[in-house]
Every structure is written in structure tokens, then in C-alpha cells.
N, C-alpha and C. Protein backbone atom coordinates (compact mmCIF):
# COMPACT_ATOMS: atom_id res chain seq x y z
N UNK A 1 113.82 109.13 31.09
CA UNK A 1 114.06 108.82 32.49
C UNK A 1 112.98 107.83 32.94
N UNK A 2 113.38 106.85 33.70
CA UNK A 2 112.47 105.85 34.25
C UNK A 2 112.07 106.25 35.67
N UNK A 3 110.78 106.49 35.87
CA UNK A 3 110.27 106.95 37.16
C UNK A 3 109.32 105.94 37.77
N UNK A 4 109.40 105.80 39.09
CA UNK A 4 108.39 105.07 39.85
C UNK A 4 107.66 106.10 40.69
N UNK A 5 106.34 106.15 40.55
CA UNK A 5 105.52 107.04 41.36
C UNK A 5 104.68 106.16 42.27
N UNK A 6 104.82 106.37 43.57
CA UNK A 6 104.01 105.63 44.54
C UNK A 6 102.65 106.31 44.60
N UNK A 7 101.60 105.54 44.41
CA UNK A 7 100.27 106.13 44.25
C UNK A 7 100.09 106.36 42.76
N UNK A 8 99.91 107.59 42.38
CA UNK A 8 99.90 107.95 40.97
C UNK A 8 98.57 107.93 40.27
N UNK A 9 97.49 107.61 40.98
CA UNK A 9 96.18 107.56 40.31
C UNK A 9 95.26 108.71 40.69
N UNK A 10 95.62 109.47 41.71
CA UNK A 10 94.76 110.59 42.10
C UNK A 10 95.61 111.68 42.76
N UNK A 11 94.98 112.81 42.97
CA UNK A 11 95.60 113.95 43.65
C UNK A 11 96.95 114.31 43.01
N UNK A 12 97.93 114.65 43.82
CA UNK A 12 99.23 115.10 43.31
C UNK A 12 99.93 114.02 42.49
N UNK A 13 99.77 112.77 42.89
CA UNK A 13 100.43 111.68 42.17
C UNK A 13 100.01 111.61 40.72
N UNK A 14 98.73 111.76 40.46
CA UNK A 14 98.24 111.71 39.08
C UNK A 14 98.80 112.88 38.27
N UNK A 15 98.85 114.05 38.87
CA UNK A 15 99.41 115.22 38.19
C UNK A 15 100.88 114.98 37.85
N UNK A 16 101.63 114.42 38.78
CA UNK A 16 103.04 114.11 38.54
C UNK A 16 103.17 113.11 37.39
N UNK A 17 102.35 112.07 37.40
CA UNK A 17 102.40 111.05 36.35
C UNK A 17 102.09 111.67 34.99
N UNK A 18 101.02 112.45 34.90
CA UNK A 18 100.64 113.04 33.62
C UNK A 18 101.70 114.01 33.12
N UNK A 19 102.30 114.79 34.02
CA UNK A 19 103.36 115.71 33.64
C UNK A 19 104.59 114.95 33.14
N UNK A 20 104.96 113.89 33.85
CA UNK A 20 106.12 113.09 33.46
C UNK A 20 105.91 112.45 32.08
N UNK A 21 104.71 111.93 31.84
CA UNK A 21 104.41 111.35 30.53
C UNK A 21 104.52 112.41 29.44
N UNK A 22 104.00 113.59 29.73
CA UNK A 22 104.06 114.69 28.77
C UNK A 22 105.47 115.11 28.43
N UNK A 23 106.39 114.84 29.33
CA UNK A 23 107.80 115.18 29.11
C UNK A 23 108.58 114.00 28.52
N UNK A 24 107.87 112.92 28.23
CA UNK A 24 108.50 111.78 27.57
C UNK A 24 109.15 110.76 28.48
N UNK A 25 108.88 110.83 29.78
CA UNK A 25 109.48 109.88 30.71
C UNK A 25 108.72 108.55 30.70
N UNK A 26 109.42 107.49 31.05
CA UNK A 26 108.81 106.17 31.23
C UNK A 26 108.34 106.12 32.68
N UNK A 27 107.05 105.86 32.89
CA UNK A 27 106.48 105.93 34.24
C UNK A 27 105.89 104.59 34.65
N UNK A 28 106.20 104.19 35.88
CA UNK A 28 105.60 103.03 36.53
C UNK A 28 104.95 103.54 37.80
N UNK A 29 103.76 103.04 38.11
CA UNK A 29 103.12 103.39 39.38
C UNK A 29 102.95 102.14 40.23
N UNK A 30 102.97 102.34 41.53
CA UNK A 30 102.63 101.29 42.49
C UNK A 30 101.47 101.82 43.31
N UNK A 31 100.32 101.16 43.22
CA UNK A 31 99.17 101.61 43.99
C UNK A 31 98.32 100.44 44.44
N UNK A 32 97.38 100.75 45.33
CA UNK A 32 96.53 99.71 45.92
C UNK A 32 95.20 99.55 45.22
N UNK A 33 94.96 100.31 44.17
CA UNK A 33 93.67 100.28 43.46
C UNK A 33 92.52 100.82 44.30
N UNK A 34 92.79 101.73 45.20
CA UNK A 34 91.73 102.24 46.06
C UNK A 34 91.12 103.53 45.55
N UNK A 35 91.88 104.31 44.82
CA UNK A 35 91.38 105.61 44.36
C UNK A 35 91.83 105.85 42.94
N UNK A 36 91.02 106.56 42.21
CA UNK A 36 91.38 106.90 40.85
C UNK A 36 91.44 105.68 39.95
N UNK A 37 91.75 105.93 38.69
CA UNK A 37 91.91 104.80 37.77
C UNK A 37 93.30 104.87 37.16
N UNK A 38 93.76 103.74 36.66
CA UNK A 38 95.10 103.67 36.09
C UNK A 38 95.21 104.64 34.91
N UNK A 39 96.41 105.14 34.69
CA UNK A 39 96.67 106.11 33.64
C UNK A 39 97.18 105.39 32.39
N UNK A 40 96.60 105.70 31.24
CA UNK A 40 97.06 105.10 29.98
C UNK A 40 98.52 105.45 29.74
N UNK A 41 99.28 104.49 29.22
CA UNK A 41 100.68 104.71 28.91
C UNK A 41 101.62 104.50 30.07
N UNK A 42 101.08 104.01 31.18
CA UNK A 42 101.87 103.81 32.40
C UNK A 42 101.88 102.33 32.75
N UNK A 43 103.04 101.82 33.16
CA UNK A 43 103.08 100.47 33.71
C UNK A 43 102.54 100.55 35.13
N UNK A 44 101.49 99.81 35.40
CA UNK A 44 100.86 99.87 36.71
C UNK A 44 101.10 98.59 37.48
N UNK A 45 101.64 98.74 38.69
CA UNK A 45 101.83 97.63 39.60
C UNK A 45 100.87 97.82 40.76
N UNK A 46 100.21 96.76 41.16
CA UNK A 46 99.28 96.84 42.28
C UNK A 46 99.87 96.12 43.48
N UNK A 47 99.94 96.84 44.59
CA UNK A 47 100.47 96.26 45.81
C UNK A 47 100.25 97.20 46.98
N UNK A 48 100.20 96.64 48.15
CA UNK A 48 100.01 97.40 49.38
C UNK A 48 101.36 97.50 50.09
N UNK A 49 101.91 98.69 50.12
CA UNK A 49 103.24 98.84 50.69
C UNK A 49 103.27 98.77 52.21
N UNK A 50 102.14 98.54 52.82
CA UNK A 50 102.13 98.36 54.28
C UNK A 50 102.66 96.97 54.65
N UNK A 51 102.86 96.12 53.64
CA UNK A 51 103.40 94.78 53.89
C UNK A 51 104.61 94.54 52.99
N UNK A 52 105.52 93.70 53.44
CA UNK A 52 106.66 93.34 52.61
C UNK A 52 106.21 92.64 51.33
N UNK A 53 105.16 91.84 51.42
CA UNK A 53 104.64 91.13 50.26
C UNK A 53 104.14 92.12 49.20
N UNK A 54 103.58 93.22 49.65
CA UNK A 54 103.07 94.22 48.71
C UNK A 54 104.16 94.92 47.91
N UNK A 55 105.40 94.81 48.38
CA UNK A 55 106.53 95.45 47.71
C UNK A 55 107.37 94.47 46.90
N UNK A 56 107.05 93.18 46.99
CA UNK A 56 107.89 92.16 46.34
C UNK A 56 108.04 92.35 44.84
N UNK A 57 107.01 92.86 44.18
CA UNK A 57 107.10 93.02 42.73
C UNK A 57 108.08 94.10 42.31
N UNK A 58 108.60 94.86 43.28
CA UNK A 58 109.62 95.86 42.97
C UNK A 58 111.03 95.29 43.06
N UNK A 59 111.15 94.08 43.58
CA UNK A 59 112.47 93.46 43.76
C UNK A 59 113.20 93.36 42.42
N UNK A 60 114.43 93.83 42.41
CA UNK A 60 115.24 93.76 41.21
C UNK A 60 114.97 94.83 40.17
N UNK A 61 113.96 95.63 40.39
CA UNK A 61 113.63 96.71 39.46
C UNK A 61 114.55 97.89 39.72
N UNK A 62 114.89 98.62 38.67
CA UNK A 62 115.74 99.80 38.80
C UNK A 62 115.03 100.98 38.15
N UNK A 63 115.01 102.10 38.86
CA UNK A 63 114.40 103.32 38.37
C UNK A 63 115.41 104.46 38.49
N UNK A 64 115.28 105.45 37.63
CA UNK A 64 116.14 106.62 37.75
C UNK A 64 115.76 107.46 38.96
N UNK A 65 114.47 107.42 39.30
CA UNK A 65 114.00 108.16 40.48
C UNK A 65 112.69 107.57 40.96
N UNK A 66 112.47 107.69 42.26
CA UNK A 66 111.21 107.29 42.89
C UNK A 66 110.60 108.55 43.49
N UNK A 67 109.34 108.78 43.19
CA UNK A 67 108.63 109.94 43.73
C UNK A 67 107.47 109.41 44.56
N UNK A 68 107.38 109.89 45.79
CA UNK A 68 106.38 109.36 46.73
C UNK A 68 105.51 110.48 47.29
N UNK A 69 104.51 110.93 46.52
CA UNK A 69 103.63 111.97 47.05
C UNK A 69 102.53 111.44 47.96
N UNK A 70 102.42 110.11 48.07
CA UNK A 70 101.30 109.53 48.81
C UNK A 70 101.65 109.09 50.22
N UNK A 71 102.89 109.28 50.63
CA UNK A 71 103.32 108.76 51.93
C UNK A 71 102.67 109.47 53.10
N UNK A 72 101.79 108.80 53.77
CA UNK A 72 101.11 109.35 54.94
C UNK A 72 101.47 108.63 56.23
N UNK A 73 101.84 107.37 56.11
CA UNK A 73 102.19 106.57 57.28
C UNK A 73 103.70 106.40 57.29
N UNK A 74 104.39 107.00 58.25
CA UNK A 74 105.85 106.96 58.25
C UNK A 74 106.44 105.56 58.10
N UNK A 75 105.88 104.57 58.75
CA UNK A 75 106.42 103.21 58.65
C UNK A 75 106.31 102.66 57.23
N UNK A 76 105.26 103.02 56.50
CA UNK A 76 105.09 102.57 55.12
C UNK A 76 106.12 103.24 54.21
N UNK A 77 106.35 104.52 54.44
CA UNK A 77 107.34 105.25 53.64
C UNK A 77 108.72 104.66 53.88
N UNK A 78 109.04 104.40 55.12
CA UNK A 78 110.34 103.84 55.46
C UNK A 78 110.51 102.44 54.86
N UNK A 79 109.47 101.62 54.94
CA UNK A 79 109.53 100.26 54.37
C UNK A 79 109.78 100.34 52.86
N UNK A 80 109.10 101.24 52.19
CA UNK A 80 109.26 101.38 50.75
C UNK A 80 110.66 101.89 50.41
N UNK A 81 111.13 102.87 51.16
CA UNK A 81 112.48 103.41 50.92
C UNK A 81 113.53 102.32 51.10
N UNK A 82 113.38 101.52 52.10
CA UNK A 82 114.34 100.43 52.33
C UNK A 82 114.27 99.39 51.21
N UNK A 83 113.07 99.07 50.75
CA UNK A 83 112.91 98.08 49.68
C UNK A 83 113.56 98.55 48.38
N UNK A 84 113.61 99.86 48.19
CA UNK A 84 114.14 100.41 46.95
C UNK A 84 115.49 101.09 47.13
N UNK A 85 116.13 100.86 48.25
CA UNK A 85 117.37 101.59 48.60
C UNK A 85 118.44 101.49 47.52
N UNK A 86 118.54 100.36 46.86
CA UNK A 86 119.58 100.18 45.85
C UNK A 86 119.04 100.38 44.43
N UNK A 87 117.78 100.76 44.32
CA UNK A 87 117.14 100.84 43.01
C UNK A 87 117.10 102.24 42.42
N UNK A 88 117.09 103.27 43.27
CA UNK A 88 116.90 104.62 42.73
C UNK A 88 117.07 105.66 43.82
N UNK A 89 117.33 106.91 43.42
CA UNK A 89 117.27 108.01 44.39
C UNK A 89 115.83 108.11 44.92
N UNK A 90 115.67 108.60 46.11
CA UNK A 90 114.36 108.62 46.76
C UNK A 90 113.91 110.04 47.07
N UNK A 91 112.66 110.36 46.75
CA UNK A 91 112.05 111.64 47.11
C UNK A 91 110.71 111.34 47.73
N UNK A 92 110.46 111.94 48.88
CA UNK A 92 109.19 111.72 49.58
C UNK A 92 108.75 113.02 50.22
N UNK A 93 107.47 113.11 50.50
CA UNK A 93 107.00 114.28 51.24
C UNK A 93 107.16 114.08 52.74
N UNK A 94 107.78 112.98 53.13
CA UNK A 94 108.07 112.69 54.54
C UNK A 94 109.55 112.35 54.67
N UNK A 95 110.31 113.05 55.52
CA UNK A 95 111.74 112.74 55.66
C UNK A 95 111.95 111.43 56.42
N UNK A 96 112.51 110.43 55.75
CA UNK A 96 112.68 109.12 56.37
C UNK A 96 113.70 109.13 57.49
N UNK A 97 114.60 110.09 57.52
CA UNK A 97 115.59 110.12 58.59
C UNK A 97 115.01 110.62 59.91
N UNK A 98 113.79 111.12 59.89
CA UNK A 98 113.17 111.63 61.11
C UNK A 98 111.98 110.79 61.56
N UNK A 99 111.86 109.60 61.00
CA UNK A 99 110.72 108.75 61.32
C UNK A 99 111.14 107.58 62.18
N UNK A 100 110.34 107.24 63.16
CA UNK A 100 110.63 106.02 63.91
C UNK A 100 110.37 104.81 63.03
N UNK A 101 111.18 103.78 63.21
CA UNK A 101 111.01 102.57 62.40
C UNK A 101 109.79 101.79 62.84
């Protein structure tokens, strides 16, 4: 399974990445390089999802699932969900249907 984990270098995100790798999944992370270090065996993309430019490298990419344990700012979560709307099912710790745009 091809997974995109938003964040993925520390806290819950890193645990999710390590568990997914252990189960044989292909993992890509998108992070800002602010915390933790990149995980071996993972495709790492660096970008700030608070801007459309920070999400451009995801254009045209397809994932089986997107996992977003790092979503703290509702507008950033919504922007990311919209950017990936046609790329994969979406899971976040913030419900995008209840967030103001």
C-alpha cells in the first residue's frame, strides 16, 4: 500500500511511519523539516502546507491513503485535503467538514 503521512518525523507521525514500514508499506512523508529527522526507507518531501506552493510537489501524485496526524490548523488541513482530493482517501485528526475555510 502506498501511504502519504503528513508530518511523519516525530510524535504520532513517526510511530505511524515506522509501523507502516514494518508492515511492508511504501511510505512518503510531507514535512517542513522543523522537528525530528527523516526516516530511512521513506520518500521524504519537504514543503509547508500553509501555502499552495508548499503542496505543489504533491500534484499528480496518487496514494492509497493519506494519514494526517499533524493537523493543528484547520485551514492547513483543509488546504491539504483539497489538494489531494482526487489522489487518495483522507484521514485526519480534524474533521474537515466542520472547519471554516
